[in-house]
Amino acid sequence: QVQLVESGGGLVQPGESLSLTCTASGSISSISTMGWYRQAPGKQRELVGQINSGDSPNYGDSVKGRFTLSRDNDKNTVYLQMTSLQLEDTADYYCWMAVRPLDSPNYSGYWGRGTRVTVSA
């Protein structure tokens, strides 16, 4: 069984920074893609960014230049550094990973439960 746990959400003011962390645990053979999505109230879930092992990350248009994604393969962890936060960044942030479990030759997608980021003056 594979679990993803996010941490680091909270309340910040516009212009401030915040970092999120997501760690996968369980019976993991390998992880290909790691990423973050977000869902604001009343809106659809959207891609924040994702990174494949060995590749550069790609980002959603609304966060380019402000957010930075990185990963630590040894720790099965993906990080999201958010700077210059805006009111519109308020959302629940979800971690997603494509994981190959020990007992399977295939990769499957796993979601974390989410962590809330609130940007408010």
PDB file of N, CA and C in Angstrom:
ATOM      1  N   GLN A   1       0.846  -1.181   0.000  1.00  0.00           N
ATOM      2  CA  GLN A   1       0.000   0.000   0.000  1.00  0.00           C
ATOM      3  C   GLN A   1       0.889   1.241   0.000  1.00  0.00           C
ATOM      4  N   VAL A   2       0.471   2.237  -0.752  1.00  0.00           N
ATOM      5  CA  VAL A   2       1.246   3.462  -0.886  1.00  0.00           C
ATOM      6  C   VAL A   2       0.438   4.625  -0.317  1.00  0.00           C
ATOM      7  N   GLN A   3       1.101   5.462   0.455  1.00  0.00           N
ATOM      8  CA  GLN A   3       0.450   6.653   1.007  1.00  0.00           C
ATOM      9  C   GLN A   3       1.285   7.884   0.716  1.00  0.00           C
ATOM     10  N   LEU A   4       0.592   8.983   0.427  1.00  0.00           N
ATOM     11  CA  LEU A   4       1.245  10.272   0.216  1.00  0.00           C
ATOM     12  C   LEU A   4       0.747  11.224   1.294  1.00  0.00           C
ATOM     13  N   VAL A   5       1.665  11.883   1.929  1.00  0.00           N
ATOM     14  CA  VAL A   5       1.302  12.808   2.999  1.00  0.00           C
ATOM     15  C   VAL A   5       1.929  14.159   2.719  1.00  0.00           C
ATOM     16  N   GLU A   6       1.055  15.171   2.649  1.00  0.00           N
ATOM     17  CA  GLU A   6       1.513  16.540   2.427  1.00  0.00           C
ATOM     18  C   GLU A   6       1.655  17.266   3.756  1.00  0.00           C
ATOM     19  N   SER A   7       2.506  18.275   3.758  1.00  0.00           N
ATOM     20  CA  SER A   7       2.638  19.138   4.927  1.00  0.00           C
ATOM     21  C   SER A   7       3.099  20.514   4.466  1.00  0.00           C
ATOM     22  N   GLY A   8       2.887  21.501   5.344  1.00  0.00           N
ATOM     23  CA  GLY A   8       3.426  22.830   5.070  1.00  0.00           C
ATOM     24  C   GLY A   8       2.409  23.888   4.716  1.00  0.00           C
ATOM     25  N   GLY A   9       1.148  23.529   4.602  1.00  0.00           N
ATOM     26  CA  GLY A   9       0.156  24.545   4.283  1.00  0.00           C
ATOM     27  C   GLY A   9      -0.043  25.500   5.440  1.00  0.00           C
ATOM     28  N   GLY A  10      -0.768  26.596   5.165  1.00  0.00           N
ATOM     29  CA  GLY A  10      -1.029  27.555   6.211  1.00  0.00           C
ATOM     30  C   GLY A  10      -1.562  28.856   5.678  1.00  0.00           C
ATOM     31  N   LEU A  11      -1.569  29.839   6.550  1.00  0.00           N
ATOM     32  CA  LEU A  11      -2.082  31.172   6.220  1.00  0.00           C
ATOM     33  C   LEU A  11      -0.918  32.143   6.068  1.00  0.00           C
ATOM     34  N   VAL A  12      -0.892  32.824   4.934  1.00  0.00           N
ATOM     35  CA  VAL A  12       0.148  33.816   4.684  1.00  0.00           C
ATOM     36  C   VAL A  12      -0.480  35.060   4.084  1.00  0.00           C
ATOM     37  N   GLN A  13       0.291  36.131   4.081  1.00  0.00           N
ATOM     38  CA  GLN A  13      -0.160  37.375   3.479  1.00  0.00           C
ATOM     39  C   GLN A  13       0.335  37.460   2.033  1.00  0.00           C
ATOM     40  N   PRO A  14      -0.322  38.261   1.208  1.00  0.00           N
ATOM     41  CA  PRO A  14       0.148  38.435  -0.177  1.00  0.00           C
ATOM     42  C   PRO A  14       1.608  38.873  -0.225  1.00  0.00           C
ATOM     43  N   GLY A  15       2.333  38.276  -1.137  1.00  0.00           N
ATOM     44  CA  GLY A  15       3.738  38.587  -1.290  1.00  0.00           C
ATOM     45  C   GLY A  15       4.667  37.697  -0.493  1.00  0.00           C
ATOM     46  N   GLU A  16       4.125  36.948   0.441  1.00  0.00           N
ATOM     47  CA  GLU A  16       4.942  36.070   1.270  1.00  0.00           C
ATOM     48  C   GLU A  16       5.213  34.738   0.569  1.00  0.00           C
ATOM     49  N   SER A  17       6.033  33.918   1.234  1.00  0.00           N
ATOM     50  CA  SER A  17       6.429  32.627   0.687  1.00  0.00           C
ATOM     51  C   SER A  17       5.977  31.503   1.598  1.00  0.00           C
ATOM     52  N   LEU A  18       5.882  30.327   1.005  1.00  0.00           N
ATOM     53  CA  LEU A  18       5.489  29.133   1.756  1.00  0.00           C
ATOM     54  C   LEU A  18       6.025  27.922   1.024  1.00  0.00           C
ATOM     55  N   SER A  19       6.385  26.899   1.791  1.00  0.00           N
ATOM     56  CA  SER A  19       6.886  25.663   1.181  1.00  0.00           C
ATOM     57  C   SER A  19       6.008  24.491   1.564  1.00  0.00           C
ATOM     58  N   LEU A  20       5.774  23.637   0.594  1.00  0.00           N
ATOM     59  CA  LEU A  20       5.018  22.408   0.817  1.00  0.00           C
ATOM     60  C   LEU A  20       5.925  21.205   0.589  1.00  0.00           C
ATOM     61  N   THR A  21       5.635  20.145   1.318  1.00  0.00           N
ATOM     62  CA  THR A  21       6.385  18.897   1.192  1.00  0.00           C
ATOM     63  C   THR A  21       5.406  17.744   1.073  1.00  0.00           C
ATOM     64  N   CYS A  22       5.746  16.793   0.236  1.00  0.00           N
ATOM     65  CA  CYS A  22       4.935  15.580   0.108  1.00  0.00           C
ATOM     66  C   CYS A  22       5.869  14.383   0.073  1.00  0.00           C
ATOM     67  N   THR A  23       5.605  13.424   0.955  1.00  0.00           N
ATOM     68  CA  THR A  23       6.425  12.223   1.040  1.00  0.00           C
ATOM     69  C   THR A  23       5.572  10.984   0.837  1.00  0.00           C
ATOM     70  N   ALA A  24       6.062  10.112  -0.003  1.00  0.00           N
ATOM     71  CA  ALA A  24       5.388   8.834  -0.242  1.00  0.00           C
ATOM     72  C   ALA A  24       6.009   7.761   0.632  1.00  0.00           C
ATOM     73  N   SER A  25       5.164   6.884   1.126  1.00  0.00           N
ATOM     74  CA  SER A  25       5.643   5.779   1.946  1.00  0.00           C
ATOM     75  C   SER A  25       4.881   4.518   1.584  1.00  0.00           C
ATOM     76  N   GLY A  26       5.436   3.383   2.001  1.00  0.00           N
ATOM     77  CA  GLY A  26       4.784   2.108   1.720  1.00  0.00           C
ATOM     78  C   GLY A  26       5.661   1.221   0.867  1.00  0.00           C
ATOM     79  N   SER A  27       4.994   0.304   0.176  1.00  0.00           N
ATOM     80  CA  SER A  27       5.707  -0.690  -0.637  1.00  0.00           C
ATOM     81  C   SER A  27       5.986  -0.114  -2.024  1.00  0.00           C
ATOM     82  N   ILE A  28       7.054   0.661  -2.116  1.00  0.00           N
ATOM     83  CA  ILE A  28       7.379   1.405  -3.331  1.00  0.00           C
ATOM     84  C   ILE A  28       8.604   0.833  -4.019  1.00  0.00           C
ATOM     85  N   SER A  29       8.453   0.556  -5.306  1.00  0.00           N
ATOM     86  CA  SER A  29       9.592   0.137  -6.114  1.00  0.00           C
ATOM     87  C   SER A  29      10.259   1.344  -6.752  1.00  0.00           C
ATOM     88  N   SER A  30       9.467   2.178  -7.391  1.00  0.00           N
ATOM     89  CA  SER A  30      10.010   3.384  -8.003  1.00  0.00           C
ATOM     90  C   SER A  30       8.890   4.400  -8.221  1.00  0.00           C
ATOM     91  N   ILE A  31       9.300   5.641  -8.396  1.00  0.00           N
ATOM     92  CA  ILE A  31       8.358   6.730  -8.656  1.00  0.00           C
ATOM     93  C   ILE A  31       8.824   7.469  -9.900  1.00  0.00           C
ATOM     94  N   SER A  32       7.941   7.611 -10.870  1.00  0.00           N
ATOM     95  CA  SER A  32       8.329   8.323 -12.091  1.00  0.00           C
ATOM     96  C   SER A  32       7.982   9.807 -11.947  1.00  0.00           C
ATOM     97  N   THR A  33       6.734  10.144 -12.046  1.00  0.00           N
ATOM     98  CA  THR A  33       6.324  11.539 -11.988  1.00  0.00           C
ATOM     99  C   THR A  33       5.863  11.922 -10.587  1.00  0.00           C
ATOM    100  N   MET A  34       6.300  13.091 -10.172  1.00  0.00           N
ATOM    101  CA  MET A  34       5.815  13.692  -8.924  1.00  0.00           C
ATOM    102  C   MET A  34       5.250  15.064  -9.274  1.00  0.00           C
ATOM    103  N   GLY A  35       4.175  15.428  -8.618  1.00  0.00           N
ATOM    104  CA  GLY A  35       3.605  16.715  -8.964  1.00  0.00           C
ATOM    105  C   GLY A  35       2.675  17.274  -7.918  1.00  0.00           C
ATOM    106  N   TRP A  36       2.255  18.486  -8.169  1.00  0.00           N
ATOM    107  CA  TRP A  36       1.301  19.169  -7.304  1.00  0.00           C
ATOM    108  C   TRP A  36       0.150  19.703  -8.143  1.00  0.00           C
ATOM    109  N   TYR A  37      -1.035  19.575  -7.618  1.00  0.00           N
ATOM    110  CA  TYR A  37      -2.243  20.154  -8.187  1.00  0.00           C
ATOM    111  C   TYR A  37      -2.891  21.002  -7.106  1.00  0.00           C
ATOM    112  N   ARG A  38      -3.790  21.870  -7.516  1.00  0.00           N
ATOM    113  CA  ARG A  38      -4.518  22.644  -6.530  1.00  0.00           C
ATOM    114  C   ARG A  38      -5.959  22.817  -6.970  1.00  0.00           C
ATOM    115  N   GLN A  39      -6.801  23.028  -5.983  1.00  0.00           N
ATOM    116  CA  GLN A  39      -8.211  23.241  -6.255  1.00  0.00           C
ATOM    117  C   GLN A  39      -8.721  24.367  -5.368  1.00  0.00           C
ATOM    118  N   ALA A  40      -9.091  25.454  -6.004  1.00  0.00           N
ATOM    119  CA  ALA A  40      -9.659  26.587  -5.291  1.00  0.00           C
ATOM    120  C   ALA A  40     -11.161  26.374  -5.121  1.00  0.00           C
ATOM    121  N   PRO A  41     -11.758  27.017  -4.154  1.00  0.00           N
ATOM    122  CA  PRO A  41     -13.202  26.866  -3.939  1.00  0.00           C
ATOM    123  C   PRO A  41     -14.003  27.184  -5.196  1.00  0.00           C
ATOM    124  N   GLY A  42     -14.856  26.257  -5.593  1.00  0.00           N
ATOM    125  CA  GLY A  42     -15.705  26.471  -6.750  1.00  0.00           C
ATOM    126  C   GLY A  42     -15.022  26.296  -8.089  1.00  0.00           C
ATOM    127  N   LYS A  43     -13.775  25.848  -8.076  1.00  0.00           N
ATOM    128  CA  LYS A  43     -13.043  25.697  -9.330  1.00  0.00           C
ATOM    129  C   LYS A  43     -12.570  24.265  -9.504  1.00  0.00           C
ATOM    130  N   GLN A  44     -12.174  23.946 -10.736  1.00  0.00           N
ATOM    131  CA  GLN A  44     -11.656  22.616 -11.012  1.00  0.00           C
ATOM    132  C   GLN A  44     -10.216  22.504 -10.539  1.00  0.00           C
ATOM    133  N   ARG A  45      -9.818  21.276 -10.287  1.00  0.00           N
ATOM    134  CA  ARG A  45      -8.433  21.026  -9.904  1.00  0.00           C
ATOM    135  C   ARG A  45      -7.539  21.344 -11.098  1.00  0.00           C
ATOM    136  N   GLU A  46      -6.425  22.024 -10.837  1.00  0.00           N
ATOM    137  CA  GLU A  46      -5.510  22.405 -11.903  1.00  0.00           C
ATOM    138  C   GLU A  46      -4.080  22.022 -11.563  1.00  0.00           C
ATOM    139  N   LEU A  47      -3.303  21.835 -12.595  1.00  0.00           N
ATOM    140  CA  LEU A  47      -1.898  21.479 -12.421  1.00  0.00           C
ATOM    141  C   LEU A  47      -1.118  22.686 -11.912  1.00  0.00           C
ATOM    142  N   VAL A  48      -0.353  22.463 -10.865  1.00  0.00           N
ATOM    143  CA  VAL A  48       0.609  23.467 -10.404  1.00  0.00           C
ATOM    144  C   VAL A  48       1.953  23.204 -11.075  1.00  0.00           C
ATOM    145  N   GLY A  49       2.405  21.986 -11.000  1.00  0.00           N
ATOM    146  CA  GLY A  49       3.652  21.611 -11.644  1.00  0.00           C
ATOM    147  C   GLY A  49       3.916  20.139 -11.458  1.00  0.00           C
ATOM    148  N   GLN A  50       4.766  19.599 -12.307  1.00  0.00           N
ATOM    149  CA  GLN A  50       5.151  18.211 -12.173  1.00  0.00           C
ATOM    150  C   GLN A  50       6.572  18.019 -12.657  1.00  0.00           C
ATOM    151  N   ILE A  51       7.177  16.950 -12.158  1.00  0.00           N
ATOM    152  CA  ILE A  51       8.577  16.693 -12.503  1.00  0.00           C
ATOM    153  C   ILE A  51       8.769  15.195 -12.640  1.00  0.00           C
ATOM    154  N   ASN A  52       9.367  14.804 -13.753  1.00  0.00           N
ATOM    155  CA  ASN A  52       9.730  13.407 -13.963  1.00  0.00           C
ATOM    156  C   ASN A  52      11.168  13.208 -13.499  1.00  0.00           C
ATOM    157  N   SER A  53      11.461  12.003 -13.102  1.00  0.00           N
ATOM    158  CA  SER A  53      12.799  11.693 -12.618  1.00  0.00           C
ATOM    159  C   SER A  53      13.823  11.997 -13.708  1.00  0.00           C
ATOM    160  N   GLY A  54      14.790  12.841 -13.385  1.00  0.00           N
ATOM    161  CA  GLY A  54      15.844  13.176 -14.321  1.00  0.00           C
ATOM    162  C   GLY A  54      15.525  14.321 -15.264  1.00  0.00           C
ATOM    163  N   ASP A  55      14.313  14.841 -15.198  1.00  0.00           N
ATOM    164  CA  ASP A  55      13.908  15.925 -16.087  1.00  0.00           C
ATOM    165  C   ASP A  55      13.714  17.232 -15.326  1.00  0.00           C
ATOM    166  N   SER A  56      13.593  18.299 -16.077  1.00  0.00           N
ATOM    167  CA  SER A  56      13.253  19.586 -15.474  1.00  0.00           C
ATOM    168  C   SER A  56      11.756  19.646 -15.231  1.00  0.00           C
ATOM    169  N   PRO A  57      11.349  20.371 -14.227  1.00  0.00           N
ATOM    170  CA  PRO A  57       9.911  20.473 -13.955  1.00  0.00           C
ATOM    171  C   PRO A  57       9.186  21.336 -14.979  1.00  0.00           C
ATOM    172  N   ASN A  58       7.900  21.102 -15.099  1.00  0.00           N
ATOM    173  CA  ASN A  58       7.071  22.015 -15.890  1.00  0.00           C
ATOM    174  C   ASN A  58       5.960  22.541 -14.992  1.00  0.00           C
ATOM    175  N   TYR A  59       5.473  23.725 -15.310  1.00  0.00           N
ATOM    176  CA  TYR A  59       4.557  24.442 -14.419  1.00  0.00           C
ATOM    177  C   TYR A  59       3.307  24.909 -15.140  1.00  0.00           C
ATOM    178  N   GLY A  60       2.260  25.063 -14.361  1.00  0.00           N
ATOM    179  CA  GLY A  60       1.078  25.721 -14.878  1.00  0.00           C
ATOM    180  C   GLY A  60       1.371  27.195 -15.119  1.00  0.00           C
ATOM    181  N   ASP A  61       0.672  27.785 -16.079  1.00  0.00           N
ATOM    182  CA  ASP A  61       0.954  29.166 -16.472  1.00  0.00           C
ATOM    183  C   ASP A  61       0.809  30.149 -15.319  1.00  0.00           C
ATOM    184  N   SER A  62      -0.121  29.899 -14.430  1.00  0.00           N
ATOM    185  CA  SER A  62      -0.405  30.854 -13.367  1.00  0.00           C
ATOM    186  C   SER A  62       0.667  30.915 -12.285  1.00  0.00           C
ATOM    187  N   VAL A  63       1.566  29.954 -12.268  1.00  0.00           N
ATOM    188  CA  VAL A  63       2.586  29.931 -11.214  1.00  0.00           C
ATOM    189  C   VAL A  63       4.006  30.041 -11.745  1.00  0.00           C
ATOM    190  N   LYS A  64       4.167  30.068 -13.059  1.00  0.00           N
ATOM    191  CA  LYS A  64       5.513  30.145 -13.644  1.00  0.00           C
ATOM    192  C   LYS A  64       6.255  31.374 -13.138  1.00  0.00           C
ATOM    193  N   GLY A  65       7.495  31.162 -12.757  1.00  0.00           N
ATOM    194  CA  GLY A  65       8.318  32.247 -12.268  1.00  0.00           C
ATOM    195  C   GLY A  65       8.160  32.528 -10.782  1.00  0.00           C
ATOM    196  N   ARG A  66       7.156  31.931 -10.158  1.00  0.00           N
ATOM    197  CA  ARG A  66       6.929  32.165  -8.724  1.00  0.00           C
ATOM    198  C   ARG A  66       7.083  30.890  -7.899  1.00  0.00           C
ATOM    199  N   PHE A  67       6.746  29.764  -8.470  1.00  0.00           N
ATOM    200  CA  PHE A  67       6.803  28.488  -7.758  1.00  0.00           C
ATOM    201  C   PHE A  67       7.953  27.644  -8.309  1.00  0.00           C
ATOM    202  N   THR A  68       8.555  26.872  -7.422  1.00  0.00           N
ATOM    203  CA  THR A  68       9.646  25.986  -7.816  1.00  0.00           C
ATOM    204  C   THR A  68       9.407  24.596  -7.261  1.00  0.00           C
ATOM    205  N   LEU A  69       9.496  23.637  -8.156  1.00  0.00           N
ATOM    206  CA  LEU A  69       9.290  22.239  -7.806  1.00  0.00           C
ATOM    207  C   LEU A  69      10.640  21.530  -7.770  1.00  0.00           C
ATOM    208  N   SER A  70      10.819  20.668  -6.784  1.00  0.00           N
ATOM    209  CA  SER A  70      12.023  19.847  -6.737  1.00  0.00           C
ATOM    210  C   SER A  70      11.680  18.514  -6.098  1.00  0.00           C
ATOM    211  N   ARG A  71      12.571  17.541  -6.272  1.00  0.00           N
ATOM    212  CA  ARG A  71      12.320  16.222  -5.724  1.00  0.00           C
ATOM    213  C   ARG A  71      13.581  15.618  -5.161  1.00  0.00           C
ATOM    214  N   ASP A  72      13.379  14.745  -4.182  1.00  0.00           N
ATOM    215  CA  ASP A  72      14.465  13.970  -3.597  1.00  0.00           C
ATOM    216  C   ASP A  72      14.079  12.504  -3.751  1.00  0.00           C
ATOM    217  N   ASN A  73      14.696  11.845  -4.710  1.00  0.00           N
ATOM    218  CA  ASN A  73      14.312  10.463  -5.003  1.00  0.00           C
ATOM    219  C   ASN A  73      14.633   9.518  -3.846  1.00  0.00           C
ATOM    220  N   ASP A  74      15.704   9.787  -3.141  1.00  0.00           N
ATOM    221  CA  ASP A  74      16.076   8.917  -2.023  1.00  0.00           C
ATOM    222  C   ASP A  74      15.044   8.963  -0.898  1.00  0.00           C
ATOM    223  N   LYS A  75      14.376  10.100  -0.801  1.00  0.00           N
ATOM    224  CA  LYS A  75      13.377  10.279   0.267  1.00  0.00           C
ATOM    225  C   LYS A  75      11.945  10.136  -0.238  1.00  0.00           C
ATOM    226  N   ASN A  76      11.775   9.833  -1.537  1.00  0.00           N
ATOM    227  CA  ASN A  76      10.430   9.736  -2.128  1.00  0.00           C
ATOM    228  C   ASN A  76       9.627  10.991  -1.837  1.00  0.00           C
ATOM    229  N   THR A  77      10.261  12.125  -1.986  1.00  0.00           N
ATOM    230  CA  THR A  77       9.667  13.390  -1.571  1.00  0.00           C
ATOM    231  C   THR A  77       9.708  14.411  -2.694  1.00  0.00           C
ATOM    232  N   VAL A  78       8.639  15.179  -2.777  1.00  0.00           N
ATOM    233  CA  VAL A  78       8.575  16.302  -3.710  1.00  0.00           C
ATOM    234  C   VAL A  78       8.290  17.565  -2.912  1.00  0.00           C
ATOM    235  N   TYR A  79       8.942  18.642  -3.326  1.00  0.00           N
ATOM    236  CA  TYR A  79       8.819  19.907  -2.632  1.00  0.00           C
ATOM    237  C   TYR A  79       8.222  20.957  -3.573  1.00  0.00           C
ATOM    238  N   LEU A  80       7.495  21.883  -2.976  1.00  0.00           N
ATOM    239  CA  LEU A  80       6.965  23.005  -3.732  1.00  0.00           C
ATOM    240  C   LEU A  80       7.293  24.278  -2.964  1.00  0.00           C
ATOM    241  N   GLN A  81       8.172  25.076  -3.540  1.00  0.00           N
ATOM    242  CA  GLN A  81       8.521  26.358  -2.958  1.00  0.00           C
ATOM    243  C   GLN A  81       7.689  27.429  -3.655  1.00  0.00           C
ATOM    244  N   MET A  82       6.894  28.130  -2.879  1.00  0.00           N
ATOM    245  CA  MET A  82       5.996  29.138  -3.432  1.00  0.00           C
ATOM    246  C   MET A  82       6.420  30.516  -2.953  1.00  0.00           C
ATOM    247  N   THR A  83       6.644  31.419  -3.880  1.00  0.00           N
ATOM    248  CA  THR A  83       7.017  32.781  -3.541  1.00  0.00           C
ATOM    249  C   THR A  83       6.020  33.759  -4.161  1.00  0.00           C
ATOM    250  N   SER A  84       6.081  34.995  -3.701  1.00  0.00           N
ATOM    251  CA  SER A  84       5.191  36.042  -4.222  1.00  0.00           C
ATOM    252  C   SER A  84       3.751  35.568  -4.275  1.00  0.00           C
ATOM    253  N   LEU A  85       3.303  34.978  -3.187  1.00  0.00           N
ATOM    254  CA  LEU A  85       1.957  34.414  -3.162  1.00  0.00           C
ATOM    255  C   LEU A  85       0.902  35.499  -3.333  1.00  0.00           C
ATOM    256  N   GLN A  86      -0.138  35.141  -4.070  1.00  0.00           N
ATOM    257  CA  GLN A  86      -1.227  36.050  -4.387  1.00  0.00           C
ATOM    258  C   GLN A  86      -2.530  35.499  -3.820  1.00  0.00           C
ATOM    259  N   LEU A  87      -3.519  36.378  -3.719  1.00  0.00           N
ATOM    260  CA  LEU A  87      -4.818  35.942  -3.211  1.00  0.00           C
ATOM    261  C   LEU A  87      -5.350  34.759  -4.017  1.00  0.00           C
ATOM    262  N   GLU A  88      -5.087  34.784  -5.328  1.00  0.00           N
ATOM    263  CA  GLU A  88      -5.596  33.729  -6.214  1.00  0.00           C
ATOM    264  C   GLU A  88      -4.918  32.379  -6.005  1.00  0.00           C
ATOM    265  N   ASP A  89      -3.856  32.360  -5.230  1.00  0.00           N
ATOM    266  CA  ASP A  89      -3.179  31.090  -4.944  1.00  0.00           C
ATOM    267  C   ASP A  89      -3.867  30.317  -3.819  1.00  0.00           C
ATOM    268  N   THR A  90      -4.846  30.928  -3.199  1.00  0.00           N
ATOM    269  CA  THR A  90      -5.587  30.245  -2.142  1.00  0.00           C
ATOM    270  C   THR A  90      -6.288  29.016  -2.700  1.00  0.00           C
ATOM    271  N   ALA A  91      -5.988  27.862  -2.115  1.00  0.00           N
ATOM    272  CA  ALA A  91      -6.539  26.602  -2.618  1.00  0.00           C
ATOM    273  C   ALA A  91      -6.103  25.462  -1.708  1.00  0.00           C
ATOM    274  N   ASP A  92      -6.702  24.319  -1.947  1.00  0.00           N
ATOM    275  CA  ASP A  92      -6.190  23.080  -1.379  1.00  0.00           C
ATOM    276  C   ASP A  92      -5.176  22.520  -2.366  1.00  0.00           C
ATOM    277  N   TYR A  93      -4.002  22.205  -1.864  1.00  0.00           N
ATOM    278  CA  TYR A  93      -2.914  21.717  -2.704  1.00  0.00           C
ATOM    279  C   TYR A  93      -2.756  20.205  -2.486  1.00  0.00           C
ATOM    280  N   TYR A  94      -2.748  19.487  -3.606  1.00  0.00           N
ATOM    281  CA  TYR A  94      -2.686  18.030  -3.572  1.00  0.00           C
ATOM    282  C   TYR A  94      -1.424  17.529  -4.258  1.00  0.00           C
ATOM    283  N   CYS A  95      -0.794  16.597  -3.609  1.00  0.00           N
ATOM    284  CA  CYS A  95       0.366  15.930  -4.176  1.00  0.00           C
ATOM    285  C   CYS A  95      -0.107  14.738  -5.007  1.00  0.00           C
ATOM    286  N   TRP A  96       0.587  14.476  -6.101  1.00  0.00           N
ATOM    287  CA  TRP A  96       0.272  13.314  -6.956  1.00  0.00           C
ATOM    288  C   TRP A  96       1.577  12.672  -7.400  1.00  0.00           C
ATOM    289  N   MET A  97       1.599  11.363  -7.366  1.00  0.00           N
ATOM    290  CA  MET A  97       2.790  10.649  -7.821  1.00  0.00           C
ATOM    291  C   MET A  97       2.392   9.424  -8.630  1.00  0.00           C
ATOM    292  N   ALA A  98       3.183   9.122  -9.628  1.00  0.00           N
ATOM    293  CA  ALA A  98       3.049   7.877 -10.377  1.00  0.00           C
ATOM    294  C   ALA A  98       4.026   6.879  -9.774  1.00  0.00           C
ATOM    295  N   VAL A  99       3.479   5.881  -9.094  1.00  0.00           N
ATOM    296  CA  VAL A  99       4.281   4.968  -8.290  1.00  0.00           C
ATOM    297  C   VAL A  99       4.155   3.551  -8.814  1.00  0.00           C
ATOM    298  N   ARG A 100       5.284   2.863  -8.862  1.00  0.00           N
ATOM    299  CA  ARG A 100       5.247   1.429  -9.137  1.00  0.00           C
ATOM    300  C   ARG A 100       5.430   0.694  -7.811  1.00  0.00           C
ATOM    301  N   PRO A 101       4.400   0.029  -7.324  1.00  0.00           N
ATOM    302  CA  PRO A 101       4.519  -0.710  -6.068  1.00  0.00           C
ATOM    303  C   PRO A 101       5.424  -1.924  -6.239  1.00  0.00           C
ATOM    304  N   LEU A 102       5.875  -2.445  -5.127  1.00  0.00           N
ATOM    305  CA  LEU A 102       6.778  -3.598  -5.144  1.00  0.00           C
ATOM    306  C   LEU A 102       6.136  -4.812  -5.798  1.00  0.00           C
ATOM    307  N   ASP A 103       4.815  -4.940  -5.673  1.00  0.00           N
ATOM    308  CA  ASP A 103       4.140  -6.139  -6.141  1.00  0.00           C
ATOM    309  C   ASP A 103       3.486  -5.952  -7.510  1.00  0.00           C
ATOM    310  N   SER A 104       3.917  -4.939  -8.254  1.00  0.00           N
ATOM    311  CA  SER A 104       3.305  -4.693  -9.555  1.00  0.00           C
ATOM    312  C   SER A 104       4.345  -4.194 -10.552  1.00  0.00           C
ATOM    313  N   PRO A 105       4.197  -4.582 -11.833  1.00  0.00           N
ATOM    314  CA  PRO A 105       5.117  -4.063 -12.859  1.00  0.00           C
ATOM    315  C   PRO A 105       4.655  -2.719 -13.424  1.00  0.00           C
ATOM    316  N   ASN A 106       3.468  -2.271 -12.982  1.00  0.00           N
ATOM    317  CA  ASN A 106       2.863  -1.073 -13.563  1.00  0.00           C
ATOM    318  C   ASN A 106       2.884   0.112 -12.610  1.00  0.00           C
ATOM    319  N   TYR A 107       2.876   1.289 -13.201  1.00  0.00           N
ATOM    320  CA  TYR A 107       2.763   2.513 -12.412  1.00  0.00           C
ATOM    321  C   TYR A 107       1.283   2.879 -12.240  1.00  0.00           C
ATOM    322  N   SER A 108       0.955   3.344 -11.057  1.00  0.00           N
ATOM    323  CA  SER A 108      -0.393   3.835 -10.776  1.00  0.00           C
ATOM    324  C   SER A 108      -0.299   5.209 -10.136  1.00  0.00           C
ATOM    325  N   GLY A 109      -1.348   6.008 -10.311  1.00  0.00           N
ATOM    326  CA  GLY A 109      -1.369   7.330  -9.733  1.00  0.00           C
ATOM    327  C   GLY A 109      -1.908   7.325  -8.321  1.00  0.00           C
ATOM    328  N   TYR A 110      -1.260   8.076  -7.452  1.00  0.00           N
ATOM    329  CA  TYR A 110      -1.681   8.186  -6.060  1.00  0.00           C
ATOM    330  C   TYR A 110      -1.790   9.662  -5.687  1.00  0.00           C
ATOM    331  N   TRP A 111      -2.819   9.951  -4.894  1.00  0.00           N
ATOM    332  CA  TRP A 111      -3.047  11.307  -4.421  1.00  0.00           C
ATOM    333  C   TRP A 111      -2.837  11.396  -2.917  1.00  0.00           C
ATOM    334  N   GLY A 112      -2.354  12.549  -2.495  1.00  0.00           N
ATOM    335  CA  GLY A 112      -2.383  12.860  -1.082  1.00  0.00           C
ATOM    336  C   GLY A 112      -3.742  13.426  -0.716  1.00  0.00           C
ATOM    337  N   ARG A 113      -3.946  13.674   0.566  1.00  0.00           N
ATOM    338  CA  ARG A 113      -5.238  14.180   1.024  1.00  0.00           C
ATOM    339  C   ARG A 113      -5.355  15.680   0.892  1.00  0.00           C
ATOM    340  N   GLY A 114      -4.261  16.338   0.674  1.00  0.00           N
ATOM    341  CA  GLY A 114      -4.298  17.765   0.454  1.00  0.00           C
ATOM    342  C   GLY A 114      -3.893  18.577   1.665  1.00  0.00           C
ATOM    343  N   THR A 115      -3.400  19.774   1.407  1.00  0.00           N
ATOM    344  CA  THR A 115      -3.062  20.715   2.468  1.00  0.00           C
ATOM    345  C   THR A 115      -3.531  22.100   2.005  1.00  0.00           C
ATOM    346  N   ARG A 116      -4.097  22.845   2.903  1.00  0.00           N
ATOM    347  CA  ARG A 116      -4.716  24.116   2.532  1.00  0.00           C
ATOM    348  C   ARG A 116      -3.718  25.263   2.621  1.00  0.00           C
ATOM    349  N   VAL A 117      -3.712  26.053   1.577  1.00  0.00           N
ATOM    350  CA  VAL A 117      -2.933  27.288   1.549  1.00  0.00           C
ATOM    351  C   VAL A 117      -3.911  28.451   1.421  1.00  0.00           C
ATOM    352  N   THR A 118      -3.826  29.360   2.357  1.00  0.00           N
ATOM    353  CA  THR A 118      -4.700  30.533   2.344  1.00  0.00           C
ATOM    354  C   THR A 118      -3.846  31.788   2.287  1.00  0.00           C
ATOM    355  N   VAL A 119      -4.097  32.587   1.266  1.00  0.00           N
ATOM    356  CA  VAL A 119      -3.395  33.855   1.118  1.00  0.00           C
ATOM    357  C   VAL A 119      -4.416  34.963   1.373  1.00  0.00           C
ATOM    358  N   SER A 120      -4.179  35.706   2.431  1.00  0.00           N
ATOM    359  CA  SER A 120      -5.151  36.716   2.839  1.00  0.00           C
ATOM    360  C   SER A 120      -4.457  37.897   3.479  1.00  0.00           C
ATOM    361  N   ALA A 121      -4.966  39.079   3.182  1.00  0.00           N
ATOM    362  CA  ALA A 121      -4.420  40.289   3.804  1.00  0.00           C
ATOM    363  C   ALA A 121      -5.034  40.491   5.186  1.00  0.00           C
TER     364      ALA A 121
END
